Every structure is written in structure tokens, then in C-alpha cells.
C-alpha atoms as a PDB file:
ATOM      1  CA  UNK A   1     -12.015 -14.596   2.595  1.00  0.00           C
ATOM      2  CA  UNK A   2     -11.502 -18.189   1.316  1.00  0.00           C
ATOM      3  CA  UNK A   3      -7.937 -18.469  -0.300  1.00  0.00           C
ATOM      4  CA  UNK A   4      -8.021 -22.128  -1.301  1.00  0.00           C
ATOM      5  CA  UNK A   5      -8.742 -25.675   0.067  1.00  0.00           C
ATOM      6  CA  UNK A   6      -9.508 -25.342   3.657  1.00  0.00           C
ATOM      7  CA  UNK A   7      -7.372 -22.086   4.106  1.00  0.00           C
ATOM      8  CA  UNK A   8      -8.981 -18.769   4.930  1.00  0.00           C
ATOM      9  CA  UNK A   9      -7.041 -15.364   5.145  1.00  0.00           C
ATOM     10  CA  UNK A  10      -8.047 -11.915   6.618  1.00  0.00           C
ATOM     11  CA  UNK A  11      -5.677  -9.467   5.142  1.00  0.00           C
ATOM     12  CA  UNK A  12      -5.990  -5.942   6.516  1.00  0.00           C
ATOM     13  CA  UNK A  13      -5.742  -2.710   4.611  1.00  0.00           C
ATOM     14  CA  UNK A  14      -4.308   0.583   5.607  1.00  0.00           C
ATOM     15  CA  UNK A  15      -7.100   1.313   8.449  1.00  0.00           C
ATOM     16  CA  UNK A  16      -5.717  -1.867  10.166  1.00  0.00           C
ATOM     17  CA  UNK A  17      -2.131  -1.550   9.396  1.00  0.00           C
ATOM     18  CA  UNK A  18      -1.419  -1.932  13.129  1.00  0.00           C
ATOM     19  CA  UNK A  19      -2.845  -5.258  13.467  1.00  0.00           C
ATOM     20  CA  UNK A  20      -1.743  -8.623  11.887  1.00  0.00           C
ATOM     21  CA  UNK A  21      -3.183 -10.565   9.093  1.00  0.00           C
ATOM     22  CA  UNK A  22      -5.110 -13.713  10.389  1.00  0.00           C
ATOM     23  CA  UNK A  23      -5.238 -17.056   8.848  1.00  0.00           C
ATOM     24  CA  UNK A  24      -7.671 -20.035   9.465  1.00  0.00           C
ATOM     25  CA  UNK A  25      -7.466 -23.639   8.569  1.00  0.00           C
ATOM     26  CA  UNK A  26     -11.105 -25.013   8.764  1.00  0.00           C
ATOM     27  CA  UNK A  27     -10.855 -28.755   9.078  1.00  0.00           C
ATOM     28  CA  UNK A  28     -11.858 -31.471  11.365  1.00  0.00           C
ATOM     29  CA  UNK A  29      -9.532 -29.391  13.883  1.00  0.00           C
ATOM     30  CA  UNK A  30      -9.936 -25.726  13.117  1.00  0.00           C
ATOM     31  CA  UNK A  31      -6.749 -23.532  13.692  1.00  0.00           C
ATOM     32  CA  UNK A  32      -6.571 -19.803  13.871  1.00  0.00           C
ATOM     33  CA  UNK A  33      -3.039 -18.202  13.131  1.00  0.00           C
ATOM     34  CA  UNK A  34      -2.559 -14.668  14.728  1.00  0.00           C
ATOM     35  CA  UNK A  35      -5.903 -13.312  15.774  1.00  0.00           C
ATOM     36  CA  UNK A  36      -4.581 -10.001  15.859  1.00  0.00           C
ATOM     37  CA  UNK A  37      -5.719  -6.769  17.988  1.00  0.00           C
ATOM     38  CA  UNK A  38      -8.860  -6.207  19.702  1.00  0.00           C
ATOM     39  CA  UNK A  39      -9.147  -3.264  17.309  1.00  0.00           C
ATOM     40  CA  UNK A  40      -9.806  -5.624  14.264  1.00  0.00           C
ATOM     41  CA  UNK A  41     -11.766  -8.366  16.265  1.00  0.00           C
ATOM     42  CA  UNK A  42     -15.289  -7.098  15.372  1.00  0.00           C
ATOM     43  CA  UNK A  43     -14.245  -7.032  11.763  1.00  0.00           C
ATOM     44  CA  UNK A  44     -12.576 -10.367  11.945  1.00  0.00           C
ATOM     45  CA  UNK A  45     -15.769 -11.812  13.491  1.00  0.00           C
ATOM     46  CA  UNK A  46     -18.060 -10.599  10.874  1.00  0.00           C
ATOM     47  CA  UNK A  47     -15.842 -11.895   7.979  1.00  0.00           C
ATOM     48  CA  UNK A  48     -15.420 -15.187   9.730  1.00  0.00           C
ATOM     49  CA  UNK A  49     -19.295 -15.392   9.819  1.00  0.00           C
ATOM     50  CA  UNK A  50     -19.441 -14.707   6.197  1.00  0.00           C
ATOM     51  CA  UNK A  51     -17.305 -17.550   5.545  1.00  0.00           C
ATOM     52  CA  UNK A  52     -19.376 -19.778   7.821  1.00  0.00           C
ATOM     53  CA  UNK A  53     -16.683 -20.059  10.474  1.00  0.00           C
ATOM     54  CA  UNK A  54     -18.063 -19.567  14.028  1.00  0.00           C
ATOM     55  CA  UNK A  55     -15.913 -18.181  16.678  1.00  0.00           C
ATOM     56  CA  UNK A  56     -16.794 -21.202  18.815  1.00  0.00           C
ATOM     57  CA  UNK A  57     -15.613 -23.448  15.968  1.00  0.00           C
ATOM     58  CA  UNK A  58     -11.892 -22.601  16.458  1.00  0.00           C
ATOM     59  CA  UNK A  59      -9.958 -25.373  18.377  1.00  0.00           C
ATOM     60  CA  UNK A  60      -6.414 -23.983  18.419  1.00  0.00           C
ATOM     61  CA  UNK A  61      -4.739 -20.776  18.322  1.00  0.00           C
ATOM     62  CA  UNK A  62      -1.153 -20.408  17.028  1.00  0.00           C
ATOM     63  CA  UNK A  63       0.751 -17.433  17.656  1.00  0.00           C
ATOM     64  CA  UNK A  64       3.876 -16.744  15.327  1.00  0.00           C
ATOM     65  CA  UNK A  65       5.001 -14.571  18.105  1.00  0.00           C
ATOM     66  CA  UNK A  66       3.671 -12.635  21.073  1.00  0.00           C
ATOM     67  CA  UNK A  67       3.522  -9.015  19.874  1.00  0.00           C
ATOM     68  CA  UNK A  68       0.256  -7.166  20.525  1.00  0.00           C
ATOM     69  CA  UNK A  69      -0.780  -6.897  16.942  1.00  0.00           C
ATOM     70  CA  UNK A  70      -0.524 -10.700  16.597  1.00  0.00           C
ATOM     71  CA  UNK A  71      -2.013 -11.987  19.757  1.00  0.00           C
ATOM     72  CA  UNK A  72      -4.049  -9.331  21.761  1.00  0.00           C
ATOM     73  CA  UNK A  73      -7.335 -11.003  20.605  1.00  0.00           C
ATOM     74  CA  UNK A  74      -6.358 -14.427  21.743  1.00  0.00           C
ATOM     75  CA  UNK A  75      -8.605 -14.374  24.878  1.00  0.00           C
ATOM     76  CA  UNK A  76     -11.613 -13.724  22.482  1.00  0.00           C
ATOM     77  CA  UNK A  77     -11.210 -17.308  21.218  1.00  0.00           C
ATOM     78  CA  UNK A  78      -9.706 -18.759  24.595  1.00  0.00           C
ATOM     79  CA  UNK A  79     -12.728 -17.939  26.391  1.00  0.00           C
ATOM     80  CA  UNK A  80     -14.751 -19.923  23.967  1.00  0.00           C
ATOM     81  CA  UNK A  81     -12.676 -23.075  24.511  1.00  0.00           C
ATOM     82  CA  UNK A  82      -9.741 -22.658  21.966  1.00  0.00           C
ATOM     83  CA  UNK A  83      -6.433 -24.069  23.177  1.00  0.00           C
ATOM     84  CA  UNK A  84      -3.343 -21.742  22.793  1.00  0.00           C
ATOM     85  CA  UNK A  85       0.080 -22.751  21.548  1.00  0.00           C
ATOM     86  CA  UNK A  86       3.321 -20.669  20.814  1.00  0.00           C
ATOM     87  CA  UNK A  87       7.133 -21.166  21.084  1.00  0.00           C
ATOM     88  CA  UNK A  88       8.115 -21.396  24.653  1.00  0.00           C
ATOM     89  CA  UNK A  89      11.095 -18.846  24.000  1.00  0.00           C
ATOM     90  CA  UNK A  90       8.408 -16.064  23.642  1.00  0.00           C
ATOM     91  CA  UNK A  91       7.506 -16.195  27.328  1.00  0.00           C
ATOM     92  CA  UNK A  92      10.612 -13.962  28.329  1.00  0.00           C
ATOM     93  CA  UNK A  93      10.110 -11.565  25.476  1.00  0.00           C
ATOM     94  CA  UNK A  94       6.384 -10.645  25.780  1.00  0.00           C
ATOM     95  CA  UNK A  95       4.171  -8.135  27.781  1.00  0.00           C
ATOM     96  CA  UNK A  96       1.446 -10.760  27.794  1.00  0.00           C
ATOM     97  CA  UNK A  97       1.212 -13.335  30.502  1.00  0.00           C
ATOM     98  CA  UNK A  98      -0.232 -16.140  28.165  1.00  0.00           C
ATOM     99  CA  UNK A  99       0.340 -19.775  29.181  1.00  0.00           C
ATOM    100  CA  UNK A 100       0.440 -22.362  26.396  1.00  0.00           C
ATOM    101  CA  UNK A 101      -2.222 -25.023  26.504  1.00  0.00           C
ATOM    102  CA  UNK A 102      -0.431 -27.259  24.033  1.00  0.00           C
ATOM    103  CA  UNK A 103       3.202 -28.006  23.369  1.00  0.00           C
ATOM    104  CA  UNK A 104       4.042 -26.532  19.936  1.00  0.00           C
ATOM    105  CA  UNK A 105       4.569 -29.360  17.517  1.00  0.00           C
ATOM    106  CA  UNK A 106       3.880 -30.532  13.946  1.00  0.00           C
ATOM    107  CA  UNK A 107       0.450 -31.970  13.848  1.00  0.00           C
ATOM    108  CA  UNK A 108      -2.508 -32.827  11.277  1.00  0.00           C
ATOM    109  CA  UNK A 109      -5.847 -31.077  11.322  1.00  0.00           C
ATOM    110  CA  UNK A 110      -7.771 -34.047   9.797  1.00  0.00           C
ATOM    111  CA  UNK A 111      -6.580 -33.628   6.102  1.00  0.00           C
ATOM    112  CA  UNK A 112      -3.815 -30.909   6.323  1.00  0.00           C
ATOM    113  CA  UNK A 113      -0.239 -31.487   7.829  1.00  0.00           C
ATOM    114  CA  UNK A 114       1.017 -28.442   9.722  1.00  0.00           C
ATOM    115  CA  UNK A 115       4.708 -28.231  10.131  1.00  0.00           C
ATOM    116  CA  UNK A 116       6.196 -25.608  12.551  1.00  0.00           C
ATOM    117  CA  UNK A 117       9.357 -23.881  11.551  1.00  0.00           C
ATOM    118  CA  UNK A 118      11.424 -22.072  14.254  1.00  0.00           C
ATOM    119  CA  UNK A 119      12.326 -18.646  12.843  1.00  0.00           C
ATOM    120  CA  UNK A 120      14.052 -16.544  15.345  1.00  0.00           C
ATOM    121  CA  UNK A 121      15.285 -13.033  14.446  1.00  0.00           C
ATOM    122  CA  UNK A 122      12.092 -10.756  14.939  1.00  0.00           C
ATOM    123  CA  UNK A 123      11.725 -12.312  18.416  1.00  0.00           C
ATOM    124  CA  UNK A 124      13.591 -15.458  19.834  1.00  0.00           C
ATOM    125  CA  UNK A 125      10.400 -17.671  19.667  1.00  0.00           C
ATOM    126  CA  UNK A 126       9.114 -16.508  16.257  1.00  0.00           C
ATOM    127  CA  UNK A 127       7.846 -19.288  14.015  1.00  0.00           C
ATOM    128  CA  UNK A 128       6.497 -19.927  10.545  1.00  0.00           C
ATOM    129  CA  UNK A 129       3.579 -22.309   9.629  1.00  0.00           C
ATOM    130  CA  UNK A 130       4.354 -24.513   6.685  1.00  0.00           C
ATOM    131  CA  UNK A 131       1.500 -26.244   4.909  1.00  0.00           C
ATOM    132  CA  UNK A 132       3.286 -28.644   2.559  1.00  0.00           C
ATOM    133  CA  UNK A 133       0.048 -29.801   0.836  1.00  0.00           C
ATOM    134  CA  UNK A 134      -0.368 -26.247  -0.289  1.00  0.00           C
ATOM    135  CA  UNK A 135       3.178 -25.358  -0.753  1.00  0.00           C
ATOM    136  CA  UNK A 136       2.514 -22.366   1.529  1.00  0.00           C
ATOM    137  CA  UNK A 137       4.295 -20.668   4.441  1.00  0.00           C
ATOM    138  CA  UNK A 138       2.615 -18.457   7.002  1.00  0.00           C
ATOM    139  CA  UNK A 139       5.497 -16.421   8.161  1.00  0.00           C
ATOM    140  CA  UNK A 140       4.312 -13.835  10.718  1.00  0.00           C
ATOM    141  CA  UNK A 141       6.879 -11.045  10.550  1.00  0.00           C
ATOM    142  CA  UNK A 142       9.846 -12.750   9.043  1.00  0.00           C
ATOM    143  CA  UNK A 143       9.372 -11.058   5.621  1.00  0.00           C
ATOM    144  CA  UNK A 144       6.782  -8.971   3.719  1.00  0.00           C
ATOM    145  CA  UNK A 145       5.241  -8.493   0.009  1.00  0.00           C
ATOM    146  CA  UNK A 146       7.853  -5.943  -0.689  1.00  0.00           C
ATOM    147  CA  UNK A 147      11.028  -8.148   0.261  1.00  0.00           C
ATOM    148  CA  UNK A 148      11.579  -6.177   3.394  1.00  0.00           C
ATOM    149  CA  UNK A 149      12.783  -8.368   6.482  1.00  0.00           C
ATOM    150  CA  UNK A 150      11.011  -8.032   9.880  1.00  0.00           C
ATOM    151  CA  UNK A 151      12.460  -5.721  12.249  1.00  0.00           C
ATOM    152  CA  UNK A 152      15.514  -6.966  14.369  1.00  0.00           C
ATOM    153  CA  UNK A 153      15.902  -3.679  16.183  1.00  0.00           C
ATOM    154  CA  UNK A 154      13.580  -4.349  18.877  1.00  0.00           C
ATOM    155  CA  UNK A 155      13.492  -6.199  22.198  1.00  0.00           C
ATOM    156  CA  UNK A 156      14.628  -9.771  21.451  1.00  0.00           C
ATOM    157  CA  UNK A 157      15.584  -9.099  17.853  1.00  0.00           C
ATOM    158  CA  UNK A 158      18.649 -10.611  16.312  1.00  0.00           C
ATOM    159  CA  UNK A 159      19.944  -9.765  12.783  1.00  0.00           C
ATOM    160  CA  UNK A 160      22.030 -13.053  12.488  1.00  0.00           C
ATOM    161  CA  UNK A 161      19.236 -15.093  13.581  1.00  0.00           C
ATOM    162  CA  UNK A 162      17.042 -13.531  11.070  1.00  0.00           C
ATOM    163  CA  UNK A 163      19.304 -14.098   8.451  1.00  0.00           C
ATOM    164  CA  UNK A 164      19.502 -17.766   9.065  1.00  0.00           C
ATOM    165  CA  UNK A 165      15.781 -17.961   9.434  1.00  0.00           C
ATOM    166  CA  UNK A 166      15.110 -16.418   5.954  1.00  0.00           C
ATOM    167  CA  UNK A 167      17.660 -18.686   4.362  1.00  0.00           C
ATOM    168  CA  UNK A 168      15.867 -21.763   6.142  1.00  0.00           C
ATOM    169  CA  UNK A 169      12.344 -20.605   4.887  1.00  0.00           C
ATOM    170  CA  UNK A 170      13.678 -19.862   1.254  1.00  0.00           C
ATOM    171  CA  UNK A 171      15.019 -23.584   1.206  1.00  0.00           C
ATOM    172  CA  UNK A 172      11.492 -24.708   1.319  1.00  0.00           C
ATOM    173  CA  UNK A 173      10.788 -23.010  -2.018  1.00  0.00           C
ATOM    174  CA  UNK A 174       7.309 -22.167  -1.206  1.00  0.00           C
ATOM    175  CA  UNK A 175       4.639 -21.252  -3.902  1.00  0.00           C
ATOM    176  CA  UNK A 176       2.807 -19.050  -1.587  1.00  0.00           C
ATOM    177  CA  UNK A 177       4.149 -16.591   1.352  1.00  0.00           C
ATOM    178  CA  UNK A 178       1.514 -15.356   3.644  1.00  0.00           C
ATOM    179  CA  UNK A 179       2.927 -12.638   5.734  1.00  0.00           C
ATOM    180  CA  UNK A 180       1.765 -11.190   9.124  1.00  0.00           C
ATOM    181  CA  UNK A 181       1.252  -7.755   7.297  1.00  0.00           C
ATOM    182  CA  UNK A 182       0.451  -6.860   3.678  1.00  0.00           C
ATOM    183  CA  UNK A 183      -0.572  -8.922   0.726  1.00  0.00           C
ATOM    184  CA  UNK A 184      -0.147 -12.494   0.136  1.00  0.00           C
ATOM    185  CA  UNK A 185       2.856 -13.308  -2.349  1.00  0.00           C
ATOM    186  CA  UNK A 186       2.312 -16.030  -4.998  1.00  0.00           C
ATOM    187  CA  UNK A 187       4.968 -17.630  -7.373  1.00  0.00           C
ATOM    188  CA  UNK A 188       8.027 -19.543  -6.504  1.00  0.00           C
ATOM    189  CA  UNK A 189      10.517 -17.383  -8.640  1.00  0.00           C
ATOM    190  CA  UNK A 190       9.269 -14.118  -7.319  1.00  0.00           C
ATOM    191  CA  UNK A 191       9.248 -15.317  -3.673  1.00  0.00           C
ATOM    192  CA  UNK A 192      12.945 -16.617  -4.082  1.00  0.00           C
ATOM    193  CA  UNK A 193      13.768 -13.037  -5.184  1.00  0.00           C
ATOM    194  CA  UNK A 194      12.067 -11.452  -2.311  1.00  0.00           C
ATOM    195  CA  UNK A 195      14.106 -13.708  -0.092  1.00  0.00           C
ATOM    196  CA  UNK A 196      17.159 -12.691  -1.788  1.00  0.00           C
ATOM    197  CA  UNK A 197      16.210  -9.168  -1.327  1.00  0.00           C
ATOM    198  CA  UNK A 198      15.681  -9.475   2.371  1.00  0.00           C
ATOM    199  CA  UNK A 199      19.068 -11.149   2.827  1.00  0.00           C
ATOM    200  CA  UNK A 200      20.879  -8.232   0.952  1.00  0.00           C
ATOM    201  CA  UNK A 201      19.059  -5.692   3.041  1.00  0.00           C
ATOM    202  CA  UNK A 202      20.108  -7.626   6.270  1.00  0.00           C
ATOM    203  CA  UNK A 203      23.636  -8.063   5.310  1.00  0.00           C
ATOM    204  CA  UNK A 204      24.092  -4.467   3.879  1.00  0.00           C
ATOM    205  CA  UNK A 205      22.489  -2.726   6.883  1.00  0.00           C
END
């Protein structure tokens, strides 16, 4: 689904609750963020085709972290020539033997600046993708539409790091937050309140 500008998003409902949302920047360099599970790939492929994005068009894969629901479909794009990047700290906390083709850095797709924000807490190498031109943050499993923070009680999780990461992303004052699961959130005031709620939950529990 075309969201705005050169940004597309594929937000899954209840039937695909165990796979991540996928976001694509279609530009001179086309970037896919979190291709998701094999389970949802056929649906993703069809929706991309409807949006006139061919699987072969994808140049770079960014994983916000290397959990199955975000990265299992990486090979479906890698075998067609896409280059993979993720935070190096993920290597020791994943079941996958992926090797990064590119060092994870800020870059430009042609007309869109991409800023990488290190957001540990859910995993040590979790990241968020900031699109300053769109006042948008694609945040993986940092926070969700209801203000719940990502889990920190799993392997590699750390509550103190999650608190710092949420405070860091809140300081960007995004107009849009696009999470790894659930609906996209719009509105600076509401998003700020969601970050505050997540921080309260983390401090209290």
C-alpha cells in the first residue's frame, strides 16, 4: 500500500499477527525494511506487484533486528541480488547465520535520507529507521500502536536499554511511527503520549 511520497507499507492483520509489517522505499535505490516470515511472502509479493514494485527491484534489505518474524524472508530478496544490512550486535543473538553485505550506516536512496538509530532493548542490535524528510520513524519492536513497549524478557532483552531507546526516539518528535506489528500511528502529540505510556510501563513493571 502506498503511504505517501516514495514510502510503501504492508501492515498485516490478525491472520498474520506472527509476521512483521514490511516497509519499502521505492527510489533510485529501493530499500525493503523487515521482509517478514515465509508465511506472508506470497501475500507480500502480490501486494508489491499491485504497487508496481518487482521483487527484483529491491536493492537493499534492512532488518530492524534478526527475529524470525522480521527476517525469515530475507533470502527471497537476497537470491535476486538484494544486499543485506543489520546491526553487527545482532549476530550473537539470532538463530540465523546471515552475513551483512553492507555496513549499517546512514545513506541516501536518491531523494530520501535514511538515518539509522541504534535502539537496543528488545535485542542488543535493534535499530529504528528515521526518515527526516517524512518526519517518520520505522521502529521495529520498540513500541506499538497501543503504547506497549517491545518485550525485554527474551534472550538479549534489556529493560534499561529499552527505556533509553524510547527516550531517544521520543526526542525526534516524529509525526509518524511505523511499528513492526499493528497499525501506523500519526500525530506528534499522540505519539509523544504513547512514548510516555511505554516509559511508565517499563518503570512500573
